[in-house]
Amino acid sequence: MNYAIHKQTYANRQAYRYRILDEAGHLCYVAEPAGLMRPSPTRLVEFLDPAHGPVGRIKPSDVAAWRRGERYEVFAGGETEKSQAVILDRWRLVDILLLRLPLYIVQLGRYGYVARGSRHGRHFYELFGGRETADRRQGSAGGGIEDAGVVEGEIPAGDVKVGQISRPVSGPSYVVETDATPLRQAPLVLAALVILIDIDLCA
């Protein structure tokens, strides 16, 4: 399963819209950064269906001024809906100094995933889902991301690659692919991850 994300920008290359298409080329969502133009950007992104009806949003845990190392909740449905997933970006000082890409942690229900980036690798980002992470989640009762043992971004030994994000030379801005069933069933979460990576990259 793969999705293509087309980024539309102003003349200064700031994104004002993302179009998310499935592998058949059908439009799934339109995502519009709603908070980036405010004096204190909130990183709030709204998802719309092809008929321009609201279907979800990305919301930071703290809507104060932008800062690296943030926690975002991905909501599907109306304003009162429970968040579908949590995405964390992890920036260490050494990563910033060496211009490394940040690491992202995705908590989707009881499943935890880690996205590792590379500026020079074959794939822009690679997605990993660890058996140890899943086992810890199954053994915990209502725990958060900390219970999954991936808060610091350490991928336990034996973790397997479940997908990747690439930046094609032509065509869409990004292509995200995965064979992990929970992620395949949550295209809005996949799109949210790619959009947050793009916003961080251009910040």
Protein backbone atom coordinates (compact mmCIF):
# COMPACT_ATOMS: atom_id res chain seq x y z
CA MET A 1 0.00 0.00 0.00
CA ASN A 2 1.37 3.42 -0.88
CA TYR A 3 0.16 7.00 -0.84
CA ALA A 4 1.46 9.98 -2.78
CA ILE A 5 1.60 13.42 -1.18
CA HIS A 6 1.65 16.44 -3.48
CA LYS A 7 2.78 19.65 -1.82
CA GLN A 8 1.50 22.99 -3.07
CA THR A 9 3.49 26.06 -2.08
CA TYR A 10 3.52 29.83 -2.25
CA ALA A 11 6.27 31.64 -4.15
CA ASN A 12 8.47 31.49 -1.02
CA ARG A 13 8.06 27.66 -0.98
CA GLN A 14 5.93 27.68 2.16
CA ALA A 15 3.27 24.98 1.94
CA TYR A 16 -0.36 26.02 1.88
CA ARG A 17 -1.87 22.67 0.87
CA TYR A 18 -1.04 18.98 0.64
CA ARG A 19 -2.99 16.58 -1.58
CA ILE A 20 -2.95 12.91 -0.53
CA LEU A 21 -3.67 10.33 -3.27
CA ASP A 22 -3.96 6.56 -3.00
CA GLU A 23 -2.02 4.18 -5.25
CA ALA A 24 -4.81 4.29 -7.83
CA GLY A 25 -4.40 8.06 -8.08
CA HIS A 26 -7.67 8.90 -6.31
CA LEU A 27 -7.74 11.92 -4.01
CA CYS A 28 -8.15 10.81 -0.37
CA TYR A 29 -7.52 13.99 1.60
CA VAL A 30 -6.57 17.62 1.28
CA ALA A 31 -4.48 18.90 4.19
CA GLU A 32 -4.18 22.60 4.92
CA PRO A 33 -1.79 24.07 7.52
CA ALA A 34 -4.16 26.38 9.39
CA GLY A 35 -1.87 27.79 12.06
CA LEU A 36 1.39 28.46 10.25
CA MET A 37 0.56 32.05 9.32
CA ARG A 38 -0.15 33.23 12.88
CA PRO A 39 2.42 35.23 14.89
CA SER A 40 2.99 32.13 17.06
CA PRO A 41 2.61 29.17 14.68
CA THR A 42 0.61 26.31 16.18
CA ARG A 43 1.39 23.72 13.51
CA LEU A 44 -2.36 22.98 13.40
CA VAL A 45 -3.16 21.11 10.17
CA GLU A 46 -6.70 20.38 9.03
CA PHE A 47 -7.68 17.42 6.83
CA LEU A 48 -10.54 17.73 4.37
CA ASP A 49 -12.22 15.15 2.17
CA PRO A 50 -12.47 15.62 -1.63
CA ALA A 51 -15.77 17.50 -1.09
CA HIS A 52 -13.90 19.87 1.27
CA GLY A 53 -15.61 18.54 4.39
CA PRO A 54 -13.52 18.32 7.61
CA VAL A 55 -12.35 14.79 8.42
CA GLY A 56 -9.45 15.26 10.83
CA ARG A 57 -6.67 17.43 12.16
CA ILE A 58 -3.19 17.51 13.66
CA LYS A 59 -2.90 19.36 16.93
CA PRO A 60 0.20 19.99 19.05
CA SER A 61 -0.04 19.32 22.77
CA ASP A 62 0.94 22.92 23.47
CA VAL A 63 -0.40 25.57 21.09
CA ALA A 64 2.10 28.17 22.27
CA ALA A 65 5.04 29.21 20.13
CA TRP A 66 6.66 26.61 17.87
CA ARG A 67 9.49 24.57 19.30
CA ARG A 68 11.44 21.50 18.31
CA GLY A 69 10.67 18.29 20.18
CA GLU A 70 6.90 18.43 20.08
CA ARG A 71 4.05 16.02 20.72
CA TYR A 72 1.21 15.98 18.22
CA GLU A 73 -2.16 14.30 18.34
CA VAL A 74 -3.90 13.14 15.17
CA PHE A 75 -7.69 13.33 15.30
CA ALA A 76 -10.13 11.72 12.90
CA GLY A 77 -13.71 12.96 12.79
CA GLY A 78 -15.32 15.79 14.72
CA GLU A 79 -13.95 18.03 17.42
CA THR A 80 -14.99 15.71 20.25
CA GLU A 81 -13.44 12.57 18.80
CA LYS A 82 -10.63 10.83 20.68
CA SER A 83 -7.21 11.14 19.08
CA GLN A 84 -6.38 8.34 16.68
CA ALA A 85 -2.61 8.52 17.12
CA VAL A 86 0.21 10.45 18.78
CA ILE A 87 3.34 11.53 16.90
CA LEU A 88 6.46 12.78 18.67
CA ASP A 89 9.50 14.35 17.06
CA ARG A 90 12.81 13.87 18.80
CA TRP A 91 15.61 16.38 18.27
CA ARG A 92 18.87 16.04 20.15
CA LEU A 93 21.35 18.91 20.25
CA VAL A 94 23.86 16.82 18.32
CA ASP A 95 21.26 16.20 15.62
CA ILE A 96 20.69 19.92 15.18
CA LEU A 97 24.43 20.73 15.17
CA LEU A 98 25.19 17.99 12.61
CA LEU A 99 22.11 18.81 10.50
CA ARG A 100 20.68 15.35 11.04
CA LEU A 101 17.03 14.65 10.43
CA PRO A 102 14.89 14.22 13.54
CA LEU A 103 13.49 10.89 14.63
CA TYR A 104 9.72 10.43 14.84
CA ILE A 105 7.74 8.11 17.07
CA VAL A 106 4.22 7.10 16.11
CA GLN A 107 1.90 5.55 18.68
CA LEU A 108 -1.13 4.08 16.90
CA GLY A 109 -3.28 2.28 19.43
CA ARG A 110 -1.11 -0.41 20.97
CA TYR A 111 1.35 -0.31 18.08
CA GLY A 112 4.52 1.76 18.20
CA TYR A 113 6.55 2.77 15.16
CA VAL A 114 9.79 4.68 14.70
CA ALA A 115 10.68 6.73 11.62
CA ARG A 116 14.39 7.26 11.03
CA GLY A 117 15.61 9.71 8.40
CA SER A 118 18.71 10.04 6.27
CA ARG A 119 19.74 12.89 4.01
CA HIS A 120 21.86 10.60 1.86
CA GLY A 121 20.26 7.16 2.10
CA ARG A 122 18.21 5.33 -0.49
CA HIS A 123 15.03 6.32 1.31
CA PHE A 124 14.33 9.69 2.91
CA TYR A 125 12.78 8.00 5.96
CA GLU A 126 12.39 4.37 6.96
CA LEU A 127 9.62 3.07 9.21
CA PHE A 128 10.29 0.41 11.83
CA GLY A 129 7.87 -1.51 14.04
CA GLY A 130 9.43 -3.59 16.77
CA ARG A 131 8.21 -6.87 18.20
CA GLU A 132 9.51 -5.86 21.62
CA THR A 133 7.57 -2.60 21.45
CA ALA A 134 4.37 -4.43 20.52
CA ASP A 135 4.86 -6.99 23.29
CA ARG A 136 5.28 -4.27 25.91
CA ARG A 137 2.18 -2.52 24.69
CA GLN A 138 0.17 -5.74 24.97
CA GLY A 139 1.37 -6.23 28.50
CA SER A 140 0.56 -2.70 29.66
CA ALA A 141 -2.84 -1.43 30.71
CA GLY A 142 -3.57 1.96 29.26
CA GLY A 143 0.06 3.02 29.22
CA GLY A 144 1.44 5.81 27.07
CA ILE A 145 4.30 5.94 24.66
CA GLU A 146 6.74 5.65 27.54
CA ASP A 147 5.50 2.10 28.13
CA ALA A 148 6.50 1.15 24.61
CA GLY A 149 10.14 1.81 25.45
CA VAL A 150 10.72 4.07 22.44
CA VAL A 151 10.56 7.55 23.96
CA GLU A 152 14.24 8.22 23.36
CA GLY A 153 14.04 6.79 19.86
CA GLU A 154 16.05 3.66 20.52
CA ILE A 155 15.05 0.85 18.17
CA PRO A 156 15.35 -2.47 20.04
CA ALA A 157 17.35 -5.26 18.48
CA GLY A 158 15.27 -7.36 16.11
CA ASP A 159 12.99 -4.54 14.95
CA VAL A 160 11.81 -4.93 11.41
CA LYS A 161 11.37 -2.39 8.66
CA VAL A 162 7.70 -1.95 7.77
CA GLY A 163 7.83 0.88 5.25
CA GLN A 164 9.56 3.93 3.88
CA ILE A 165 9.05 7.51 2.78
CA SER A 166 10.76 8.62 -0.41
CA ARG A 167 11.09 11.87 -2.32
CA PRO A 168 10.78 11.10 -6.04
CA VAL A 169 12.75 13.14 -8.55
CA SER A 170 9.53 13.87 -10.43
CA GLY A 171 5.83 13.56 -9.71
CA PRO A 172 4.62 13.68 -6.10
CA SER A 173 6.60 15.45 -3.40
CA TYR A 174 6.58 12.33 -1.20
CA VAL A 175 5.57 8.69 -1.48
CA VAL A 176 4.91 6.71 1.69
CA GLU A 177 4.75 2.91 1.53
CA THR A 178 4.02 0.37 4.24
CA ASP A 179 3.07 -3.27 4.62
CA ALA A 180 2.09 -2.91 8.30
CA THR A 181 -1.67 -3.51 8.55
CA PRO A 182 -2.36 -0.93 11.33
CA LEU A 183 -0.65 1.80 9.30
CA ARG A 184 -2.31 0.71 6.07
CA GLN A 185 -5.66 1.11 7.80
CA ALA A 186 -4.75 4.61 9.00
CA PRO A 187 -3.86 6.65 5.89
CA LEU A 188 -4.60 9.89 7.73
CA VAL A 189 -1.90 9.04 10.29
CA LEU A 190 0.60 8.23 7.54
CA ALA A 191 -0.19 11.53 5.84
CA ALA A 192 0.15 13.38 9.16
CA LEU A 193 3.62 11.89 9.70
CA VAL A 194 4.82 12.95 6.24
CA ILE A 195 3.37 16.46 6.64
CA LEU A 196 5.02 16.97 10.05
CA ILE A 197 8.35 15.79 8.61
CA ASP A 198 7.98 18.23 5.72
CA ILE A 199 7.11 21.16 8.00
CA ASP A 200 10.11 20.40 10.21
CA LEU A 201 12.36 20.12 7.17
CA CYS A 202 11.30 23.54 5.89
CA ALA A 203 11.28 25.31 9.27
